Amino acid sequence: PAGSPPAAGAGCAPTLFGWRPRRTKAAPPASFLPKAMPEEKMPIRVRRGLLVCLLIAILAWIHCPLRPVVVLGGSMEPTLHHGQVVLMDRARYRKHPMRRGDIVVFRHQGMVQVKRVYALAGEQVWEIRTPDGECVFLADLGPLGPPRRLPARTRSGDYVVATRVPAGSLYVIGDGGNASWDSRHYGPIEAEAVLGRVLLHEHTRIATDQAVARATVPALW
């Protein structure tokens, strides 16, 4: 009937003069719609090149004799400091013998440690021990043999023990003197436990003498 509202969905809007068709926006032409960008694929040659570079880097890392090592603790003060990063040469002892004074990285009791070689296999070390058996200092006896009296720096009841480094082992100490936990406490370590030698610009003989001087006391006669 006239004047009645159109059916639902007819697309008409009410006005003062009746109903009029609702204006709808025409859909834009297909040429104005955004087109999906084609997915760019990496060329096969580029992918192969990246894979080859990755393999070369992995092989270089595996076969490279140098490894970074972080020093933990102050047992090697003042030569090495806590948190210092040094380079370790893993191939050093494949062609060269281990020398007294070398700074080595080794694994002992599940921990990686950095110490200086004090004595090699077959050498004798004189240790000054307390009554409870704990080693405190090393005795610098020289070529004269055991002392008649202990140094004045030791306490009453201390005694001297001769320790011969067994075959396939080495005796290590820290440059920090008595502040280091080393072979004076847990004995010689196996040479097979050595992971490599620390690369450090130092005069080995002078640095070794200074480190030994902090860990030893002269014997009295």
Protein backbone atom coordinates (compact mmCIF):
# COMPACT_ATOMS: atom_id res chain seq x y z
CA PRO A 1 0.00 0.00 0.00
CA ALA A 2 1.03 3.60 -0.51
CA GLY A 3 3.00 5.23 2.29
CA SER A 4 3.81 1.91 3.92
CA PRO A 5 7.51 1.33 4.71
CA PRO A 6 9.35 -0.79 2.21
CA ALA A 7 10.34 -4.28 2.98
CA ALA A 8 13.47 -4.86 5.04
CA GLY A 9 16.58 -4.88 2.97
CA ALA A 10 15.05 -2.75 0.19
CA GLY A 11 17.80 -0.15 0.55
CA CYS A 12 15.49 2.87 1.23
CA ALA A 13 15.82 5.72 3.72
CA PRO A 14 12.85 7.62 5.33
CA THR A 15 12.40 11.33 4.43
CA LEU A 16 9.74 14.02 5.07
CA PHE A 17 8.15 13.22 1.74
CA GLY A 18 8.21 9.46 1.93
CA TRP A 19 10.83 6.87 1.25
CA ARG A 20 13.69 7.28 -1.16
CA PRO A 21 16.27 4.81 -2.30
CA ARG A 22 19.46 4.80 -0.20
CA ARG A 23 22.55 5.80 -2.12
CA THR A 24 25.26 3.20 -2.15
CA LYS A 25 28.86 3.66 -3.14
CA ALA A 26 29.81 1.90 -6.26
CA ALA A 27 32.66 -0.59 -5.98
CA PRO A 28 35.93 0.77 -7.38
CA PRO A 29 37.12 -0.69 -10.61
CA ALA A 30 39.40 -3.69 -10.43
CA SER A 31 42.28 -1.63 -11.83
CA PHE A 32 42.32 0.56 -8.65
CA LEU A 33 42.44 -2.35 -6.17
CA PRO A 34 45.85 -2.99 -4.58
CA LYS A 35 47.54 -5.95 -6.09
CA ALA A 36 49.29 -8.55 -3.99
CA MET A 37 53.04 -8.20 -4.34
CA PRO A 38 54.71 -11.33 -5.62
CA GLU A 39 56.81 -13.13 -2.98
CA GLU A 40 60.47 -12.56 -3.68
CA LYS A 41 62.57 -15.69 -3.45
CA MET A 42 66.30 -15.71 -2.74
CA PRO A 43 68.21 -16.95 -5.76
CA ILE A 44 69.57 -20.45 -5.46
CA ARG A 45 73.11 -19.23 -6.03
CA VAL A 46 72.85 -16.80 -3.11
CA ARG A 47 71.48 -19.47 -0.80
CA ARG A 48 74.23 -21.88 -1.76
CA GLY A 49 76.84 -19.18 -1.21
CA LEU A 50 75.53 -18.42 2.28
CA LEU A 51 75.49 -22.10 3.15
CA VAL A 52 79.08 -22.53 1.98
CA CYS A 53 80.18 -19.49 4.02
CA LEU A 54 78.45 -20.91 7.09
CA LEU A 55 80.17 -24.29 6.68
CA ILE A 56 83.55 -22.62 6.21
CA ALA A 57 83.04 -20.56 9.37
CA ILE A 58 82.11 -23.67 11.37
CA LEU A 59 85.13 -25.61 10.11
CA ALA A 60 87.43 -22.65 10.80
CA TRP A 61 86.13 -22.42 14.37
CA ILE A 62 86.60 -26.15 14.93
CA HIS A 63 90.14 -26.29 13.56
CA CYS A 64 91.33 -22.89 14.77
CA PRO A 65 93.83 -23.42 17.63
CA LEU A 66 92.90 -20.17 19.38
CA ARG A 67 90.09 -19.97 21.91
CA PRO A 68 88.99 -17.10 24.19
CA VAL A 69 89.17 -17.79 27.92
CA VAL A 70 87.73 -15.67 30.73
CA VAL A 71 89.84 -15.46 33.89
CA LEU A 72 87.78 -16.02 37.02
CA GLY A 73 89.05 -14.99 40.42
CA GLY A 74 92.15 -13.14 41.52
CA SER A 75 94.57 -16.06 41.92
CA MET A 76 96.64 -14.84 38.95
CA GLU A 77 96.93 -11.23 40.11
CA PRO A 78 98.74 -9.04 39.17
CA THR A 79 99.46 -10.79 35.86
CA LEU A 80 95.84 -11.59 34.99
CA HIS A 81 92.78 -9.93 36.43
CA HIS A 82 89.29 -11.20 37.24
CA GLY A 83 87.06 -11.00 34.16
CA GLN A 84 89.97 -10.54 31.76
CA VAL A 85 89.65 -12.31 28.41
CA VAL A 86 92.79 -13.99 27.12
CA LEU A 87 93.56 -16.18 24.12
CA MET A 88 94.50 -19.81 24.59
CA ASP A 89 96.62 -21.70 22.05
CA ARG A 90 95.36 -25.27 21.98
CA ALA A 91 98.04 -26.48 19.55
CA ARG A 92 101.07 -25.12 21.43
CA TYR A 93 102.07 -28.36 23.10
CA ARG A 94 101.55 -30.52 20.05
CA LYS A 95 104.89 -29.33 18.67
CA HIS A 96 106.57 -27.68 21.68
CA PRO A 97 107.36 -29.08 25.14
CA MET A 98 105.84 -27.57 28.22
CA ARG A 99 108.18 -25.20 30.02
CA ARG A 100 108.49 -23.97 33.56
CA GLY A 101 106.80 -20.58 33.77
CA ASP A 102 104.15 -21.19 31.11
CA ILE A 103 100.65 -19.98 31.94
CA VAL A 104 98.34 -22.86 31.13
CA VAL A 105 94.61 -23.50 31.05
CA PHE A 106 93.54 -26.86 32.42
CA ARG A 107 90.50 -28.71 33.67
CA HIS A 108 90.56 -29.92 37.27
CA GLN A 109 87.71 -31.23 39.38
CA GLY A 110 85.18 -30.10 36.78
CA MET A 111 86.50 -26.53 36.68
CA VAL A 112 88.63 -24.72 34.10
CA GLN A 113 91.54 -22.96 35.81
CA VAL A 114 94.42 -20.72 34.75
CA LYS A 115 97.75 -21.19 36.57
CA ARG A 116 101.49 -20.97 36.02
CA VAL A 117 103.71 -24.05 35.71
CA TYR A 118 106.06 -24.22 38.69
CA ALA A 119 107.61 -27.66 38.27
CA LEU A 120 107.56 -30.38 35.63
CA ALA A 121 107.53 -34.16 35.89
CA GLY A 122 110.48 -35.54 37.83
CA GLU A 123 111.27 -32.28 39.63
CA GLN A 124 111.11 -31.96 43.41
CA VAL A 125 109.08 -29.34 45.24
CA TRP A 126 109.60 -28.42 48.90
CA GLU A 127 106.33 -27.55 50.60
CA ILE A 128 105.90 -25.93 54.00
CA ARG A 129 102.83 -27.47 55.58
CA THR A 130 100.88 -26.67 58.72
CA PRO A 131 100.13 -29.29 61.39
CA ASP A 132 96.78 -30.02 59.77
CA GLY A 133 98.57 -30.88 56.49
CA GLU A 134 97.55 -27.81 54.51
CA CYS A 135 100.34 -26.34 52.40
CA VAL A 136 100.94 -22.65 52.96
CA PHE A 137 104.20 -21.73 51.23
CA LEU A 138 106.89 -23.27 49.09
CA ALA A 139 110.42 -23.38 50.48
CA ASP A 140 113.18 -21.99 48.28
CA LEU A 141 115.98 -24.35 49.24
CA GLY A 142 118.27 -23.90 46.30
CA PRO A 143 120.93 -26.59 45.74
CA LEU A 144 121.72 -27.08 49.47
CA GLY A 145 118.97 -29.51 50.42
CA PRO A 146 116.49 -29.40 53.31
CA PRO A 147 116.87 -26.55 55.82
CA ARG A 148 117.80 -26.83 59.44
CA ARG A 149 115.20 -24.24 60.43
CA LEU A 150 112.00 -23.04 58.86
CA PRO A 151 111.60 -19.45 57.70
CA ALA A 152 110.48 -16.87 60.21
CA ARG A 153 107.22 -16.33 58.27
CA THR A 154 105.95 -19.78 59.18
CA ARG A 155 104.13 -20.69 62.37
CA SER A 156 105.22 -23.01 65.13
CA GLY A 157 104.59 -26.63 64.25
CA ASP A 158 104.98 -26.23 60.49
CA TYR A 159 107.12 -28.77 58.69
CA VAL A 160 108.73 -29.27 55.27
CA VAL A 161 107.57 -31.98 52.87
CA ALA A 162 109.40 -32.96 49.69
CA THR A 163 107.00 -33.65 46.83
CA ARG A 164 108.31 -35.13 43.60
CA VAL A 165 106.13 -34.43 40.59
CA PRO A 166 105.15 -37.81 39.11
CA ALA A 167 105.52 -38.69 35.46
CA GLY A 168 102.89 -37.19 33.19
CA SER A 169 102.08 -34.46 35.72
CA LEU A 170 103.03 -30.87 36.55
CA TYR A 171 102.96 -28.61 39.57
CA VAL A 172 101.05 -25.33 39.11
CA ILE A 173 100.75 -22.21 41.25
CA GLY A 174 98.98 -18.88 40.96
CA ASP A 175 100.76 -15.56 40.61
CA GLY A 176 98.81 -14.24 43.60
CA GLY A 177 101.03 -16.01 46.11
CA ASN A 178 99.22 -17.50 49.09
CA ALA A 179 95.87 -16.19 47.79
CA SER A 180 95.79 -18.90 45.12
CA TRP A 181 94.23 -22.35 45.36
CA ASP A 182 96.64 -24.50 43.36
CA SER A 183 98.90 -27.56 43.53
CA ARG A 184 99.97 -26.60 47.04
CA HIS A 185 96.47 -27.67 48.09
CA TYR A 186 95.35 -30.34 45.60
CA GLY A 187 98.74 -31.63 44.43
CA PRO A 188 100.18 -32.01 40.94
CA ILE A 189 97.79 -32.16 38.01
CA GLU A 190 97.89 -34.46 35.00
CA ALA A 191 99.50 -33.03 31.89
CA GLU A 192 96.63 -34.46 29.85
CA ALA A 193 94.27 -32.08 31.64
CA VAL A 194 96.01 -29.07 30.07
CA LEU A 195 93.82 -27.49 27.39
CA GLY A 196 96.37 -25.02 26.07
CA ARG A 197 98.82 -22.20 26.76
CA VAL A 198 97.77 -18.60 27.38
CA LEU A 199 99.11 -16.12 24.82
CA LEU A 200 100.51 -13.26 26.85
CA HIS A 201 103.15 -10.66 26.07
CA GLU A 202 105.45 -10.93 29.04
CA HIS A 203 109.05 -11.68 29.87
CA THR A 204 108.48 -15.26 31.01
CA ARG A 205 111.58 -15.53 33.17
CA ILE A 206 111.00 -12.26 35.03
CA ALA A 207 107.27 -12.93 35.47
CA THR A 208 108.00 -16.46 36.70
CA ASP A 209 110.59 -15.26 39.21
CA GLN A 210 108.14 -12.69 40.56
CA ALA A 211 105.33 -15.23 40.84
CA VAL A 212 107.60 -17.75 42.56
CA ALA A 213 108.86 -15.08 44.96
CA ARG A 214 105.28 -14.41 46.11
CA ALA A 215 104.67 -18.11 46.77
CA THR A 216 108.02 -19.09 48.35
CA VAL A 217 110.04 -18.12 51.38
CA PRO A 218 113.83 -18.55 51.74
CA ALA A 219 114.96 -21.28 54.07
CA LEU A 220 117.24 -20.59 57.05
CA TRP A 221 120.37 -22.57 57.77
